[in-house]
């Protein structure tokens, strides 16, 4: 039995309904992160990168891209995928904690906060704040508010699927998810949820100046994104 979210993400998961869904998700996210890069020499950390299928698009517009994922399996796959790109490095979470102070210009943590405990999030905020240079930014995205449920998430997925041409696969995928251990894990382990005021307070307590962004990264606009500055 899977006992943690980290174990869940270290194996094949039912989150993506088909290859098109996965590709469209990662392509869109890469383009959004690339648009946030402040200058061509920037050092960027994508913390909780997942498979990062299109990370090369981000690497093309920054000086160095660091991809961090808690899953050893995914880190191995990332190293193989980007072995020919010396400007991309793959890190474990403990290596992020050891980064030199003021060495990063941008940190993006998308769809990560919900899988961390409050204490784990606080530790990450401390690490990111220390590693960001003065003027650097943290983008904390896909934060789930308390009132947003699985039905709203499903509706957002179906709208995304209709726009991008995989609606039937999304309907079948949602049915599979209902029978998968992801649903039972959501009940058993839960997802961390934060309202806007709570997240802003946590960011300020970690030393950031923060505000909510007008739009979330990705397709689900029921979730929130925050920009926090050192």
C-alpha atoms as a PDB file:
ATOM      1  CA  UNK A   1       0.000   0.000   0.000  1.00  0.00           C
ATOM      2  CA  UNK A   2       1.270   3.479  -0.894  1.00  0.00           C
ATOM      3  CA  UNK A   3       1.853   5.364   2.346  1.00  0.00           C
ATOM      4  CA  UNK A   4       2.846   8.830   1.112  1.00  0.00           C
ATOM      5  CA  UNK A   5       2.469  11.176  -1.827  1.00  0.00           C
ATOM      6  CA  UNK A   6       6.190  10.814  -2.491  1.00  0.00           C
ATOM      7  CA  UNK A   7       5.725   7.068  -3.003  1.00  0.00           C
ATOM      8  CA  UNK A   8       2.715   7.700  -5.240  1.00  0.00           C
ATOM      9  CA  UNK A   9       4.654  10.027  -7.568  1.00  0.00           C
ATOM     10  CA  UNK A  10       7.595   7.606  -7.770  1.00  0.00           C
ATOM     11  CA  UNK A  11       5.622   5.258 -10.045  1.00  0.00           C
ATOM     12  CA  UNK A  12       3.255   5.329 -12.993  1.00  0.00           C
ATOM     13  CA  UNK A  13       0.171   7.353 -12.080  1.00  0.00           C
ATOM     14  CA  UNK A  14      -3.334   7.765 -13.552  1.00  0.00           C
ATOM     15  CA  UNK A  15      -3.202  11.586 -13.473  1.00  0.00           C
ATOM     16  CA  UNK A  16      -2.772  12.036 -17.222  1.00  0.00           C
ATOM     17  CA  UNK A  17      -5.566  10.496 -19.263  1.00  0.00           C
ATOM     18  CA  UNK A  18      -3.425   9.945 -22.374  1.00  0.00           C
ATOM     19  CA  UNK A  19      -0.209  11.048 -24.064  1.00  0.00           C
ATOM     20  CA  UNK A  20      -1.830  14.159 -25.570  1.00  0.00           C
ATOM     21  CA  UNK A  21      -3.021  15.318 -22.147  1.00  0.00           C
ATOM     22  CA  UNK A  22       0.447  14.908 -20.684  1.00  0.00           C
ATOM     23  CA  UNK A  23       2.141  16.652 -23.624  1.00  0.00           C
ATOM     24  CA  UNK A  24      -0.289  19.591 -23.634  1.00  0.00           C
ATOM     25  CA  UNK A  25       0.056  20.001 -19.880  1.00  0.00           C
ATOM     26  CA  UNK A  26       3.850  20.098 -19.898  1.00  0.00           C
ATOM     27  CA  UNK A  27       4.110  22.182 -23.081  1.00  0.00           C
ATOM     28  CA  UNK A  28       1.775  24.847 -21.725  1.00  0.00           C
ATOM     29  CA  UNK A  29       3.495  24.919 -18.365  1.00  0.00           C
ATOM     30  CA  UNK A  30       6.952  25.211 -19.948  1.00  0.00           C
ATOM     31  CA  UNK A  31       5.813  28.171 -22.034  1.00  0.00           C
ATOM     32  CA  UNK A  32       4.327  29.882 -18.970  1.00  0.00           C
ATOM     33  CA  UNK A  33       7.521  29.391 -16.948  1.00  0.00           C
ATOM     34  CA  UNK A  34       9.669  30.573 -19.851  1.00  0.00           C
ATOM     35  CA  UNK A  35       7.628  33.790 -19.959  1.00  0.00           C
ATOM     36  CA  UNK A  36       8.483  34.401 -16.284  1.00  0.00           C
ATOM     37  CA  UNK A  37      12.287  34.187 -16.769  1.00  0.00           C
ATOM     38  CA  UNK A  38      13.599  37.674 -15.926  1.00  0.00           C
ATOM     39  CA  UNK A  39      16.653  37.774 -18.219  1.00  0.00           C
ATOM     40  CA  UNK A  40      18.714  35.461 -20.473  1.00  0.00           C
ATOM     41  CA  UNK A  41      21.357  34.783 -17.817  1.00  0.00           C
ATOM     42  CA  UNK A  42      18.878  33.898 -15.066  1.00  0.00           C
ATOM     43  CA  UNK A  43      19.329  30.834 -12.865  1.00  0.00           C
ATOM     44  CA  UNK A  44      15.930  29.158 -12.586  1.00  0.00           C
ATOM     45  CA  UNK A  45      14.723  26.394 -10.260  1.00  0.00           C
ATOM     46  CA  UNK A  46      11.630  24.361 -11.155  1.00  0.00           C
ATOM     47  CA  UNK A  47      10.892  22.660  -7.828  1.00  0.00           C
ATOM     48  CA  UNK A  48       8.487  19.740  -8.185  1.00  0.00           C
ATOM     49  CA  UNK A  49       9.146  19.619 -11.906  1.00  0.00           C
ATOM     50  CA  UNK A  50       7.603  16.218 -12.577  1.00  0.00           C
ATOM     51  CA  UNK A  51       8.517  14.852 -15.986  1.00  0.00           C
ATOM     52  CA  UNK A  52       9.237  18.349 -17.390  1.00  0.00           C
ATOM     53  CA  UNK A  53       8.861  17.090 -20.956  1.00  0.00           C
ATOM     54  CA  UNK A  54       9.527  20.506 -22.488  1.00  0.00           C
ATOM     55  CA  UNK A  55      12.082  21.898 -20.047  1.00  0.00           C
ATOM     56  CA  UNK A  56      14.361  22.620 -23.004  1.00  0.00           C
ATOM     57  CA  UNK A  57      12.009  25.504 -23.891  1.00  0.00           C
ATOM     58  CA  UNK A  58      12.780  27.101 -20.520  1.00  0.00           C
ATOM     59  CA  UNK A  59      16.495  26.367 -20.791  1.00  0.00           C
ATOM     60  CA  UNK A  60      16.616  28.206 -24.120  1.00  0.00           C
ATOM     61  CA  UNK A  61      15.703  31.514 -22.449  1.00  0.00           C
ATOM     62  CA  UNK A  62      17.712  31.311 -19.203  1.00  0.00           C
ATOM     63  CA  UNK A  63      21.330  30.811 -18.199  1.00  0.00           C
ATOM     64  CA  UNK A  64      20.815  27.611 -16.205  1.00  0.00           C
ATOM     65  CA  UNK A  65      17.778  25.526 -15.319  1.00  0.00           C
ATOM     66  CA  UNK A  66      17.617  23.353 -12.215  1.00  0.00           C
ATOM     67  CA  UNK A  67      14.922  20.670 -12.120  1.00  0.00           C
ATOM     68  CA  UNK A  68      14.042  19.240  -8.707  1.00  0.00           C
ATOM     69  CA  UNK A  69      11.745  16.287  -8.085  1.00  0.00           C
ATOM     70  CA  UNK A  70      11.367  14.125  -4.985  1.00  0.00           C
ATOM     71  CA  UNK A  71      10.996  10.938  -7.043  1.00  0.00           C
ATOM     72  CA  UNK A  72      14.308   9.120  -7.715  1.00  0.00           C
ATOM     73  CA  UNK A  73      12.686   7.433 -10.706  1.00  0.00           C
ATOM     74  CA  UNK A  74      11.729  10.741 -12.258  1.00  0.00           C
ATOM     75  CA  UNK A  75      15.133  12.265 -11.570  1.00  0.00           C
ATOM     76  CA  UNK A  76      16.775   9.382 -13.427  1.00  0.00           C
ATOM     77  CA  UNK A  77      14.424   9.897 -16.377  1.00  0.00           C
ATOM     78  CA  UNK A  78      15.109  13.634 -16.403  1.00  0.00           C
ATOM     79  CA  UNK A  79      18.863  13.089 -16.429  1.00  0.00           C
ATOM     80  CA  UNK A  80      18.519  10.739 -19.380  1.00  0.00           C
ATOM     81  CA  UNK A  81      16.164  13.056 -21.282  1.00  0.00           C
ATOM     82  CA  UNK A  82      18.368  16.127 -20.923  1.00  0.00           C
ATOM     83  CA  UNK A  83      21.789  14.470 -20.876  1.00  0.00           C
ATOM     84  CA  UNK A  84      22.813  16.470 -23.947  1.00  0.00           C
ATOM     85  CA  UNK A  85      21.914  19.842 -22.431  1.00  0.00           C
ATOM     86  CA  UNK A  86      24.642  21.068 -20.050  1.00  0.00           C
ATOM     87  CA  UNK A  87      22.515  24.043 -18.968  1.00  0.00           C
ATOM     88  CA  UNK A  88      19.969  21.703 -17.319  1.00  0.00           C
ATOM     89  CA  UNK A  89      20.780  20.041 -13.985  1.00  0.00           C
ATOM     90  CA  UNK A  90      18.606  17.652 -11.978  1.00  0.00           C
ATOM     91  CA  UNK A  91      18.524  17.927  -8.179  1.00  0.00           C
ATOM     92  CA  UNK A  92      17.045  16.043  -5.254  1.00  0.00           C
ATOM     93  CA  UNK A  93      15.198  18.145  -2.638  1.00  0.00           C
ATOM     94  CA  UNK A  94      18.124  17.895  -0.202  1.00  0.00           C
ATOM     95  CA  UNK A  95      20.385  19.354  -2.886  1.00  0.00           C
ATOM     96  CA  UNK A  96      18.087  22.364  -3.195  1.00  0.00           C
ATOM     97  CA  UNK A  97      18.492  22.895   0.539  1.00  0.00           C
ATOM     98  CA  UNK A  98      22.274  22.992  -0.012  1.00  0.00           C
ATOM     99  CA  UNK A  99      22.265  25.552  -2.850  1.00  0.00           C
ATOM    100  CA  UNK A 100      24.460  28.618  -2.230  1.00  0.00           C
ATOM    101  CA  UNK A 101      22.718  31.656  -0.765  1.00  0.00           C
ATOM    102  CA  UNK A 102      21.474  34.253  -3.268  1.00  0.00           C
ATOM    103  CA  UNK A 103      22.235  31.936  -6.206  1.00  0.00           C
ATOM    104  CA  UNK A 104      18.799  31.840  -7.902  1.00  0.00           C
ATOM    105  CA  UNK A 105      16.825  34.439  -9.837  1.00  0.00           C
ATOM    106  CA  UNK A 106      13.533  32.577 -10.146  1.00  0.00           C
ATOM    107  CA  UNK A 107      11.924  29.650  -8.321  1.00  0.00           C
ATOM    108  CA  UNK A 108       8.744  28.059  -9.668  1.00  0.00           C
ATOM    109  CA  UNK A 109       6.883  25.543  -7.508  1.00  0.00           C
ATOM    110  CA  UNK A 110       3.780  24.460  -9.412  1.00  0.00           C
ATOM    111  CA  UNK A 111       1.323  21.911  -8.036  1.00  0.00           C
ATOM    112  CA  UNK A 112       3.613  21.171  -5.100  1.00  0.00           C
ATOM    113  CA  UNK A 113       2.154  22.832  -2.015  1.00  0.00           C
ATOM    114  CA  UNK A 114      -0.856  20.492  -1.855  1.00  0.00           C
ATOM    115  CA  UNK A 115       1.414  17.452  -1.449  1.00  0.00           C
ATOM    116  CA  UNK A 116       3.477  18.969   1.389  1.00  0.00           C
ATOM    117  CA  UNK A 117       2.633  19.211   5.058  1.00  0.00           C
ATOM    118  CA  UNK A 118       2.589  22.697   6.557  1.00  0.00           C
ATOM    119  CA  UNK A 119       5.998  22.030   8.138  1.00  0.00           C
ATOM    120  CA  UNK A 120       7.435  20.798   4.820  1.00  0.00           C
ATOM    121  CA  UNK A 121       6.131  23.898   3.038  1.00  0.00           C
ATOM    122  CA  UNK A 122       7.701  26.152   5.677  1.00  0.00           C
ATOM    123  CA  UNK A 123      11.044  24.389   5.227  1.00  0.00           C
ATOM    124  CA  UNK A 124      10.836  24.875   1.456  1.00  0.00           C
ATOM    125  CA  UNK A 125       9.972  28.546   1.868  1.00  0.00           C
ATOM    126  CA  UNK A 126      13.045  29.027   4.051  1.00  0.00           C
ATOM    127  CA  UNK A 127      15.260  27.240   1.521  1.00  0.00           C
ATOM    128  CA  UNK A 128      13.873  29.213  -1.415  1.00  0.00           C
ATOM    129  CA  UNK A 129      14.181  32.540   0.393  1.00  0.00           C
ATOM    130  CA  UNK A 130      17.807  31.853   1.293  1.00  0.00           C
ATOM    131  CA  UNK A 131      18.697  30.685  -2.223  1.00  0.00           C
ATOM    132  CA  UNK A 132      17.016  33.561  -4.063  1.00  0.00           C
ATOM    133  CA  UNK A 133      19.109  36.617  -4.881  1.00  0.00           C
ATOM    134  CA  UNK A 134      17.845  40.083  -3.891  1.00  0.00           C
ATOM    135  CA  UNK A 135      15.085  40.941  -6.341  1.00  0.00           C
ATOM    136  CA  UNK A 136      14.492  37.263  -7.092  1.00  0.00           C
ATOM    137  CA  UNK A 137      10.986  35.846  -7.328  1.00  0.00           C
ATOM    138  CA  UNK A 138       9.161  32.753  -6.146  1.00  0.00           C
ATOM    139  CA  UNK A 139       6.101  31.646  -8.114  1.00  0.00           C
ATOM    140  CA  UNK A 140       4.007  29.318  -5.951  1.00  0.00           C
ATOM    141  CA  UNK A 141       1.246  28.034  -8.203  1.00  0.00           C
ATOM    142  CA  UNK A 142      -1.676  25.612  -8.349  1.00  0.00           C
ATOM    143  CA  UNK A 143      -2.440  26.189  -4.665  1.00  0.00           C
ATOM    144  CA  UNK A 144      -5.781  24.613  -3.755  1.00  0.00           C
ATOM    145  CA  UNK A 145      -8.245  26.785  -1.794  1.00  0.00           C
ATOM    146  CA  UNK A 146     -10.316  25.059   0.921  1.00  0.00           C
ATOM    147  CA  UNK A 147     -13.605  25.285  -0.963  1.00  0.00           C
ATOM    148  CA  UNK A 148     -12.365  23.714  -4.213  1.00  0.00           C
ATOM    149  CA  UNK A 149     -13.397  20.067  -4.515  1.00  0.00           C
ATOM    150  CA  UNK A 150     -12.820  17.169  -6.880  1.00  0.00           C
ATOM    151  CA  UNK A 151     -15.896  18.064  -8.957  1.00  0.00           C
ATOM    152  CA  UNK A 152     -14.456  21.495  -9.776  1.00  0.00           C
ATOM    153  CA  UNK A 153     -11.106  19.901 -10.661  1.00  0.00           C
ATOM    154  CA  UNK A 154     -12.893  17.468 -12.978  1.00  0.00           C
ATOM    155  CA  UNK A 155     -14.816  20.301 -14.657  1.00  0.00           C
ATOM    156  CA  UNK A 156     -11.564  22.216 -15.245  1.00  0.00           C
ATOM    157  CA  UNK A 157      -9.973  19.110 -16.768  1.00  0.00           C
ATOM    158  CA  UNK A 158     -12.926  18.545 -19.100  1.00  0.00           C
ATOM    159  CA  UNK A 159     -12.820  22.165 -20.266  1.00  0.00           C
ATOM    160  CA  UNK A 160      -9.085  21.806 -20.949  1.00  0.00           C
ATOM    161  CA  UNK A 161      -9.688  18.520 -22.780  1.00  0.00           C
ATOM    162  CA  UNK A 162     -12.435  20.044 -24.933  1.00  0.00           C
ATOM    163  CA  UNK A 163     -10.136  22.902 -25.991  1.00  0.00           C
ATOM    164  CA  UNK A 164      -7.163  20.642 -26.694  1.00  0.00           C
ATOM    165  CA  UNK A 165      -8.836  17.690 -28.346  1.00  0.00           C
ATOM    166  CA  UNK A 166      -8.849  14.830 -25.838  1.00  0.00           C
ATOM    167  CA  UNK A 167     -12.349  15.059 -24.359  1.00  0.00           C
ATOM    168  CA  UNK A 168     -13.296  11.396 -24.788  1.00  0.00           C
ATOM    169  CA  UNK A 169     -10.004  10.290 -23.237  1.00  0.00           C
ATOM    170  CA  UNK A 170     -10.603  12.695 -20.350  1.00  0.00           C
ATOM    171  CA  UNK A 171     -14.037  11.222 -19.668  1.00  0.00           C
ATOM    172  CA  UNK A 172     -12.602   7.706 -19.665  1.00  0.00           C
ATOM    173  CA  UNK A 173      -9.651   8.877 -17.562  1.00  0.00           C
ATOM    174  CA  UNK A 174     -11.910  10.365 -14.919  1.00  0.00           C
ATOM    175  CA  UNK A 175     -13.721   7.049 -14.674  1.00  0.00           C
ATOM    176  CA  UNK A 176     -10.371   5.259 -14.209  1.00  0.00           C
ATOM    177  CA  UNK A 177      -9.334   7.759 -11.557  1.00  0.00           C
ATOM    178  CA  UNK A 178     -12.496   6.999  -9.581  1.00  0.00           C
ATOM    179  CA  UNK A 179     -11.306   3.390  -9.369  1.00  0.00           C
ATOM    180  CA  UNK A 180      -7.640   4.181  -8.749  1.00  0.00           C
ATOM    181  CA  UNK A 181      -5.735   4.618  -5.509  1.00  0.00           C
ATOM    182  CA  UNK A 182      -5.331   8.349  -6.227  1.00  0.00           C
ATOM    183  CA  UNK A 183      -8.917   8.865  -5.086  1.00  0.00           C
ATOM    184  CA  UNK A 184      -8.401   6.779  -1.966  1.00  0.00           C
ATOM    185  CA  UNK A 185      -5.114   8.576  -1.262  1.00  0.00           C
ATOM    186  CA  UNK A 186      -6.863  11.935  -1.469  1.00  0.00           C
ATOM    187  CA  UNK A 187      -9.237  10.685   1.207  1.00  0.00           C
ATOM    188  CA  UNK A 188      -6.586   9.002   3.360  1.00  0.00           C
ATOM    189  CA  UNK A 189      -3.628  11.392   3.098  1.00  0.00           C
ATOM    190  CA  UNK A 190      -5.534  14.495   2.095  1.00  0.00           C
ATOM    191  CA  UNK A 191      -4.270  17.504   0.166  1.00  0.00           C
ATOM    192  CA  UNK A 192      -2.993  20.627   1.865  1.00  0.00           C
ATOM    193  CA  UNK A 193      -5.292  23.580   1.200  1.00  0.00           C
ATOM    194  CA  UNK A 194      -4.780  27.266   1.865  1.00  0.00           C
ATOM    195  CA  UNK A 195      -6.980  30.288   1.505  1.00  0.00           C
ATOM    196  CA  UNK A 196      -5.458  33.427   0.028  1.00  0.00           C
ATOM    197  CA  UNK A 197      -4.897  35.215   3.340  1.00  0.00           C
ATOM    198  CA  UNK A 198      -3.278  32.159   4.942  1.00  0.00           C
ATOM    199  CA  UNK A 199      -0.819  31.656   2.085  1.00  0.00           C
ATOM    200  CA  UNK A 200       0.084  35.341   1.970  1.00  0.00           C
ATOM    201  CA  UNK A 201       0.735  35.252   5.718  1.00  0.00           C
ATOM    202  CA  UNK A 202       2.974  32.191   5.368  1.00  0.00           C
ATOM    203  CA  UNK A 203       4.955  33.860   2.600  1.00  0.00           C
ATOM    204  CA  UNK A 204       5.375  37.043   4.635  1.00  0.00           C
ATOM    205  CA  UNK A 205       6.438  35.032   7.696  1.00  0.00           C
ATOM    206  CA  UNK A 206       9.159  33.447   5.530  1.00  0.00           C
ATOM    207  CA  UNK A 207      10.501  36.914   4.651  1.00  0.00           C
ATOM    208  CA  UNK A 208       8.845  37.485   1.283  1.00  0.00           C
ATOM    209  CA  UNK A 209       6.797  40.371  -0.061  1.00  0.00           C
ATOM    210  CA  UNK A 210       3.913  38.562  -1.716  1.00  0.00           C
ATOM    211  CA  UNK A 211       0.690  38.945  -3.631  1.00  0.00           C
ATOM    212  CA  UNK A 212      -1.747  36.738  -5.468  1.00  0.00           C
ATOM    213  CA  UNK A 213      -1.266  36.568  -9.224  1.00  0.00           C
ATOM    214  CA  UNK A 214      -4.198  37.355 -11.555  1.00  0.00           C
ATOM    215  CA  UNK A 215      -4.018  33.872 -13.077  1.00  0.00           C
ATOM    216  CA  UNK A 216      -2.890  30.445 -11.982  1.00  0.00           C
ATOM    217  CA  UNK A 217      -0.351  28.518 -14.039  1.00  0.00           C
ATOM    218  CA  UNK A 218      -1.912  25.700 -16.017  1.00  0.00           C
ATOM    219  CA  UNK A 219      -5.529  25.023 -16.945  1.00  0.00           C
ATOM    220  CA  UNK A 220      -7.256  25.074 -13.543  1.00  0.00           C
ATOM    221  CA  UNK A 221      -8.175  28.661 -12.745  1.00  0.00           C
ATOM    222  CA  UNK A 222     -10.057  27.606  -9.619  1.00  0.00           C
ATOM    223  CA  UNK A 223      -6.632  27.209  -8.026  1.00  0.00           C
ATOM    224  CA  UNK A 224      -4.338  30.074  -7.046  1.00  0.00           C
ATOM    225  CA  UNK A 225      -0.855  31.324  -7.863  1.00  0.00           C
ATOM    226  CA  UNK A 226       1.286  33.704  -5.812  1.00  0.00           C
ATOM    227  CA  UNK A 227       4.351  35.776  -6.636  1.00  0.00           C
ATOM    228  CA  UNK A 228       6.722  36.366  -3.724  1.00  0.00           C
ATOM    229  CA  UNK A 229       9.774  38.618  -3.890  1.00  0.00           C
ATOM    230  CA  UNK A 230      12.952  38.737  -1.837  1.00  0.00           C
END
